[in-house]
Amino acid sequence: MDKAQEFETHRPRLFSLAYRMLGSAAEAEDAVQDAYLRWHGAEREQIAAPGPWLAKVLTNLCLNRLTSARVQREEYVGPWLPEPVRTEGGALGPMETAEQREAVSMAVLVMMERLTPAERAVVVLRDAFDYGYRDIAGVLDSTEASARQLYRRARLHLAEGRSRFETSEQPRTDLLTRFLEAAALGSLQQLEALLADQVVAWSDGGGKVRAALRPVSGRDKVARFVLGLFTRWVGEMEIEVAEVNGAPVVLGWEAGGLVAVGVVEGGEDGITGIRIIRNPEKLRFLANQSRGLSQNA
């Protein structure tokens, strides 16, 4: 097996790592390609274990990207949401447990933005890839004690304000179905009944398409916001339900192009969050995934 072929055997795992680090499929692909260039230029005989070597190279590439991304996201127009990825095809690894699905959920990826780049790396390596603290220290060129401290601090940050996630796939699907039915009927009363008192809706247009520039909060305001969207979109958009980031979501297609992704998050009191991604740049990867799945069906 030549070096290019050997790298391809690691590519899916590397993409999964980079996406969890960056929250962007496009940036993850670029980071993986940069890792390939490093791999291609290295002497193969000097690499004892390709997997760990590539993980370290890629992690450090992602750390550099995260540092510059913080400045870009501070200047982002409106709420920033992660780039959605279809997961039923295994693009981000197994989705067999609630923990695996939660780890790549929109809510968790947004909360990961609270972390420093190093904290984010430790959480991803520890939780998603089962790295020991010694291995993490090797990746980050730090000590085991430092890796443990980073992990503890990161988990505390993530716990702050963390809402309770559904642990079963079926309630999420049922909640999404009822949400779509109420919105399609234009029933404000039925929609409000599904929403928690403190529900929040975020809309990410990135300044490229029409979207709310601030989060919408509260049952009444969110219900009216959602119905306003459906009123504008009815008859124009083809609706599809698909698994994205480990959960059932709504895809909105118009003239063959993906124009919106809607994520509904549930808690004990009903729908606690609605995230709508409309930035065309963030929908490109998922649209290509969807076309590929359609062609292979």
Protein backbone atom coordinates (compact mmCIF):
# COMPACT_ATOMS: atom_id res chain seq x y z
CA MET A 1 0.00 0.00 0.00
CA ASP A 2 1.45 3.39 -0.99
CA LYS A 3 1.33 6.47 1.25
CA ALA A 4 -1.74 7.97 -0.43
CA GLN A 5 -3.72 4.74 -0.03
CA GLU A 6 -2.59 4.41 3.57
CA PHE A 7 -3.76 7.93 4.34
CA GLU A 8 -7.20 7.19 2.88
CA THR A 9 -7.72 4.45 5.45
CA HIS A 10 -7.40 7.13 8.16
CA ARG A 11 -9.40 9.87 6.40
CA PRO A 12 -12.88 9.11 7.87
CA ARG A 13 -11.55 9.14 11.44
CA LEU A 14 -9.52 12.29 10.77
CA PHE A 15 -12.55 14.09 9.33
CA SER A 16 -14.61 13.10 12.37
CA LEU A 17 -11.90 14.49 14.66
CA ALA A 18 -11.52 17.74 12.73
CA TYR A 19 -15.27 18.34 12.52
CA ARG A 20 -15.71 17.93 16.26
CA MET A 21 -12.85 20.35 16.81
CA LEU A 22 -13.98 22.99 14.32
CA GLY A 23 -17.76 22.66 14.01
CA SER A 24 -17.42 23.11 10.26
CA ALA A 25 -17.36 20.38 7.62
CA ALA A 26 -15.67 22.61 5.04
CA GLU A 27 -12.93 23.63 7.46
CA ALA A 28 -12.57 20.02 8.59
CA GLU A 29 -11.99 18.89 4.99
CA ASP A 30 -9.37 21.62 4.54
CA ALA A 31 -7.62 20.62 7.77
CA VAL A 32 -7.56 16.96 6.73
CA GLN A 33 -6.10 17.94 3.37
CA ASP A 34 -3.40 19.97 5.13
CA ALA A 35 -2.65 16.90 7.27
CA TYR A 36 -2.30 14.87 4.08
CA LEU A 37 0.28 17.34 2.75
CA ARG A 38 2.27 16.96 5.98
CA TRP A 39 1.95 13.19 5.68
CA HIS A 40 3.02 13.22 2.04
CA GLY A 41 6.10 15.29 2.85
CA ALA A 42 7.21 13.20 5.83
CA GLU A 43 9.57 10.25 5.70
CA ARG A 44 7.38 7.18 6.21
CA GLU A 45 10.17 5.28 7.94
CA GLN A 46 10.25 7.92 10.70
CA ILE A 47 6.56 7.46 11.54
CA ALA A 48 6.22 4.53 13.93
CA ALA A 49 2.43 4.69 14.31
CA PRO A 50 0.52 6.49 11.51
CA GLY A 51 -2.76 6.85 13.44
CA PRO A 52 -1.35 8.74 16.46
CA TRP A 53 1.03 10.73 14.24
CA LEU A 54 -1.80 11.92 12.01
CA ALA A 55 -4.05 12.67 15.00
CA LYS A 56 -1.37 14.88 16.52
CA VAL A 57 -0.68 16.71 13.28
CA LEU A 58 -4.38 17.25 12.62
CA THR A 59 -5.16 18.34 16.18
CA ASN A 60 -2.48 21.00 16.03
CA LEU A 61 -3.71 22.18 12.64
CA CYS A 62 -7.19 22.51 14.15
CA LEU A 63 -5.85 24.38 17.18
CA ASN A 64 -4.33 26.95 14.83
CA ARG A 65 -7.60 27.25 12.93
CA LEU A 66 -9.62 27.66 16.13
CA THR A 67 -7.44 30.54 17.25
CA SER A 68 -8.14 32.49 14.05
CA ALA A 69 -11.79 31.35 13.97
CA ARG A 70 -12.49 33.11 17.27
CA VAL A 71 -11.83 36.48 15.65
CA GLN A 72 -13.97 35.61 12.63
CA ARG A 73 -16.89 34.46 14.78
CA GLU A 74 -16.79 37.64 16.83
CA GLU A 75 -17.41 39.49 13.56
CA TYR A 76 -20.05 37.01 12.32
CA VAL A 77 -23.39 38.56 11.33
CA GLY A 78 -26.12 37.20 13.62
CA PRO A 79 -26.00 33.96 15.66
CA TRP A 80 -23.30 31.46 14.70
CA LEU A 81 -24.36 27.82 14.38
CA PRO A 82 -22.26 24.78 13.44
CA GLU A 83 -22.25 23.42 9.91
CA PRO A 84 -24.72 20.48 9.68
CA VAL A 85 -23.59 17.00 8.60
CA ARG A 86 -25.76 14.01 7.69
CA THR A 87 -24.83 11.14 9.97
CA GLU A 88 -26.93 8.18 8.84
CA GLY A 89 -24.10 7.20 6.49
CA GLY A 90 -21.48 7.13 9.25
CA ALA A 91 -19.76 10.41 8.33
CA LEU A 92 -19.01 11.16 11.99
CA GLY A 93 -18.58 7.61 13.22
CA PRO A 94 -21.05 5.33 15.04
CA MET A 95 -24.36 6.84 16.20
CA GLU A 96 -25.51 3.78 18.14
CA THR A 97 -25.87 5.33 21.59
CA ALA A 98 -27.45 8.48 23.01
CA GLU A 99 -23.99 9.64 24.11
CA GLN A 100 -22.55 9.28 20.61
CA ARG A 101 -25.45 11.25 19.12
CA GLU A 102 -25.33 13.93 21.79
CA ALA A 103 -21.59 14.48 21.30
CA VAL A 104 -22.14 15.82 17.75
CA SER A 105 -25.48 17.53 18.39
CA MET A 106 -25.91 21.18 17.47
CA ALA A 107 -26.44 22.06 21.13
CA VAL A 108 -23.18 20.47 22.27
CA LEU A 109 -21.17 21.90 19.37
CA VAL A 110 -22.47 25.37 20.22
CA MET A 111 -21.51 24.85 23.86
CA MET A 112 -18.04 23.76 22.75
CA GLU A 113 -17.56 27.37 21.63
CA ARG A 114 -17.29 28.23 25.34
CA LEU A 115 -14.01 26.34 25.52
CA THR A 116 -10.48 27.40 24.73
CA PRO A 117 -8.93 25.59 21.75
CA ALA A 118 -6.85 23.38 24.09
CA GLU A 119 -9.90 22.51 26.22
CA ARG A 120 -11.85 21.62 23.12
CA ALA A 121 -9.06 19.34 21.89
CA VAL A 122 -8.90 17.51 25.22
CA VAL A 123 -12.67 16.92 25.33
CA VAL A 124 -12.77 15.63 21.75
CA LEU A 125 -9.78 13.33 22.18
CA ARG A 126 -10.96 12.05 25.56
CA ASP A 127 -14.69 11.64 24.97
CA ALA A 128 -14.95 10.89 21.26
CA PHE A 129 -11.72 8.98 20.67
CA ASP A 130 -11.08 7.47 24.12
CA TYR A 131 -7.56 8.85 24.42
CA GLY A 132 -5.86 8.43 27.78
CA TYR A 133 -4.39 11.46 29.50
CA ARG A 134 -0.85 10.34 28.64
CA ASP A 135 -1.75 10.16 24.94
CA ILE A 136 -3.51 13.54 25.10
CA ALA A 137 -0.45 15.06 26.73
CA GLY A 138 1.63 13.66 23.87
CA VAL A 139 -0.65 15.26 21.28
CA LEU A 140 -0.64 18.64 23.01
CA ASP A 141 3.02 18.50 24.11
CA SER A 142 1.95 18.99 27.72
CA THR A 143 1.89 16.92 30.92
CA GLU A 144 -0.67 14.37 32.09
CA ALA A 145 -1.54 16.62 35.01
CA SER A 146 -2.17 19.52 32.65
CA ALA A 147 -4.35 17.34 30.40
CA ARG A 148 -6.43 16.23 33.39
CA GLN A 149 -6.86 19.81 34.57
CA LEU A 150 -7.88 20.98 31.09
CA TYR A 151 -10.44 18.20 30.85
CA ARG A 152 -11.97 18.93 34.28
CA ARG A 153 -12.19 22.63 33.50
CA ALA A 154 -13.74 21.95 30.08
CA ARG A 155 -16.40 19.63 31.50
CA LEU A 156 -17.33 22.28 34.09
CA HIS A 157 -17.75 24.89 31.36
CA LEU A 158 -19.92 22.52 29.32
CA ALA A 159 -22.08 21.71 32.34
CA GLU A 160 -22.94 25.38 32.83
CA GLY A 161 -26.33 26.04 31.33
CA ARG A 162 -26.58 22.56 29.86
CA SER A 163 -30.19 21.56 29.27
CA ARG A 164 -31.32 17.97 29.59
CA PHE A 165 -31.10 16.03 26.33
CA GLU A 166 -33.51 13.37 25.18
CA THR A 167 -32.02 9.90 25.57
CA SER A 168 -34.29 8.16 23.09
CA GLU A 169 -34.55 8.64 19.35
CA GLN A 170 -38.32 8.09 19.25
CA PRO A 171 -39.34 11.09 21.41
CA ARG A 172 -37.24 13.36 19.20
CA THR A 173 -38.93 12.03 16.08
CA ASP A 174 -42.40 12.33 17.60
CA LEU A 175 -41.72 15.87 18.81
CA LEU A 176 -40.46 16.93 15.38
CA THR A 177 -43.51 15.37 13.69
CA ARG A 178 -45.93 17.20 15.98
CA PHE A 179 -43.99 20.43 15.54
CA LEU A 180 -44.22 20.18 11.73
CA GLU A 181 -47.92 19.33 11.85
CA ALA A 182 -48.73 22.32 14.07
CA ALA A 183 -46.64 24.67 11.95
CA ALA A 184 -48.14 23.37 8.69
CA LEU A 185 -51.68 23.88 10.07
CA GLY A 186 -50.77 27.41 11.10
CA SER A 187 -52.05 26.66 14.59
CA LEU A 188 -50.49 29.08 17.08
CA GLN A 189 -52.22 27.32 19.96
CA GLN A 190 -50.96 23.84 19.03
CA LEU A 191 -47.46 25.16 18.43
CA GLU A 192 -47.34 27.02 21.74
CA ALA A 193 -48.42 23.84 23.53
CA LEU A 194 -45.26 22.12 22.28
CA LEU A 195 -42.89 24.87 23.41
CA ALA A 196 -41.24 25.27 26.81
CA ASP A 197 -41.67 28.62 28.56
CA GLN A 198 -38.02 29.55 28.03
CA VAL A 199 -37.70 28.27 24.46
CA VAL A 200 -35.14 30.04 22.26
CA ALA A 201 -34.88 30.13 18.46
CA TRP A 202 -31.64 30.92 16.63
CA SER A 203 -31.40 31.64 12.92
CA ASP A 204 -28.02 31.59 11.14
CA GLY A 205 -27.97 33.41 7.82
CA GLY A 206 -24.42 34.70 8.15
CA GLY A 207 -25.47 38.00 6.59
CA LYS A 208 -25.94 36.22 3.25
CA VAL A 209 -29.68 35.50 3.40
CA ARG A 210 -32.58 36.85 5.43
CA ALA A 211 -32.47 35.64 9.04
CA ALA A 212 -33.11 36.97 12.55
CA LEU A 213 -30.01 38.80 13.76
CA ARG A 214 -30.73 38.01 17.41
CA PRO A 215 -32.12 34.96 19.21
CA VAL A 216 -35.89 34.93 19.65
CA SER A 217 -36.95 34.00 23.20
CA GLY A 218 -40.18 33.02 24.90
CA ARG A 219 -43.07 30.76 23.92
CA ASP A 220 -45.29 33.37 22.25
CA LYS A 221 -42.53 35.12 20.29
CA VAL A 222 -40.97 31.86 19.10
CA ALA A 223 -44.34 30.42 18.03
CA ARG A 224 -45.12 33.53 16.00
CA PHE A 225 -41.60 33.55 14.55
CA VAL A 226 -41.93 29.93 13.41
CA LEU A 227 -45.38 30.44 11.90
CA GLY A 228 -44.10 33.49 10.07
CA LEU A 229 -41.37 31.38 8.49
CA PHE A 230 -43.75 28.61 7.48
CA THR A 231 -46.19 31.12 6.00
CA ARG A 232 -43.44 32.50 3.76
CA TRP A 233 -42.11 29.07 2.83
CA VAL A 234 -45.35 27.12 2.27
CA GLY A 235 -45.75 26.04 -1.32
CA GLU A 236 -42.18 27.03 -2.16
CA MET A 237 -40.19 24.51 -0.17
CA GLU A 238 -40.03 20.72 -0.25
CA ILE A 239 -39.66 19.34 3.26
CA GLU A 240 -37.53 16.29 4.08
CA VAL A 241 -36.75 14.70 7.45
CA ALA A 242 -33.22 13.33 7.73
CA GLU A 243 -30.65 12.41 10.38
CA VAL A 244 -28.24 15.29 10.84
CA ASN A 245 -25.72 15.50 13.66
CA GLY A 246 -27.22 12.39 15.22
CA ALA A 247 -30.82 13.65 15.37
CA PRO A 248 -33.86 13.91 13.09
CA VAL A 249 -34.07 17.37 11.53
CA VAL A 250 -35.96 19.19 8.78
CA LEU A 251 -34.32 19.89 5.43
CA GLY A 252 -35.89 22.53 3.22
CA TRP A 253 -35.30 22.23 -0.52
CA GLU A 254 -36.20 24.83 -3.13
CA ALA A 255 -35.68 24.38 -6.87
CA GLY A 256 -33.40 21.43 -6.14
CA GLY A 257 -31.19 23.38 -3.76
CA LEU A 258 -30.93 23.06 0.01
CA VAL A 259 -31.99 26.38 1.54
CA ALA A 260 -32.65 25.59 5.21
CA VAL A 261 -32.00 23.10 7.99
CA GLY A 262 -34.22 23.16 11.06
CA VAL A 263 -33.21 21.51 14.34
CA VAL A 264 -35.72 21.03 17.17
CA GLU A 265 -34.33 20.34 20.66
CA GLY A 266 -36.54 18.84 23.36
CA GLY A 267 -36.42 18.85 27.13
CA GLU A 268 -38.70 17.82 29.97
CA ASP A 269 -41.01 20.82 29.39
CA GLY A 270 -41.26 20.50 25.61
CA ILE A 271 -39.25 22.14 22.85
CA THR A 272 -36.43 24.11 24.43
CA GLY A 273 -34.53 25.20 21.33
CA ILE A 274 -34.99 25.68 17.59
CA ARG A 275 -31.94 26.22 15.41
CA ILE A 276 -32.35 27.24 11.78
CA ILE A 277 -29.33 27.24 9.45
CA ARG A 278 -29.77 29.22 6.23
CA ASN A 279 -26.23 30.38 5.43
CA PRO A 280 -25.71 28.86 1.95
CA GLU A 281 -22.02 28.24 2.61
CA LYS A 282 -22.90 26.09 5.62
CA LEU A 283 -25.44 24.05 3.64
CA ARG A 284 -23.15 23.12 0.74
CA PHE A 285 -21.53 20.08 2.36
CA LEU A 286 -24.83 18.62 3.55
CA ALA A 287 -26.44 19.22 0.15
CA ASN A 288 -23.64 17.30 -1.55
CA GLN A 289 -24.00 14.50 1.00
CA SER A 290 -27.73 14.30 0.33
CA ARG A 291 -27.25 14.13 -3.44
CA GLY A 292 -24.66 11.38 -2.97
CA LEU A 293 -27.00 9.34 -0.78
CA SER A 294 -29.79 9.82 -3.32
CA GLN A 295 -27.60 8.59 -6.18
CA ASN A 296 -26.48 5.55 -4.19
CA ALA A 297 -30.01 4.63 -3.11
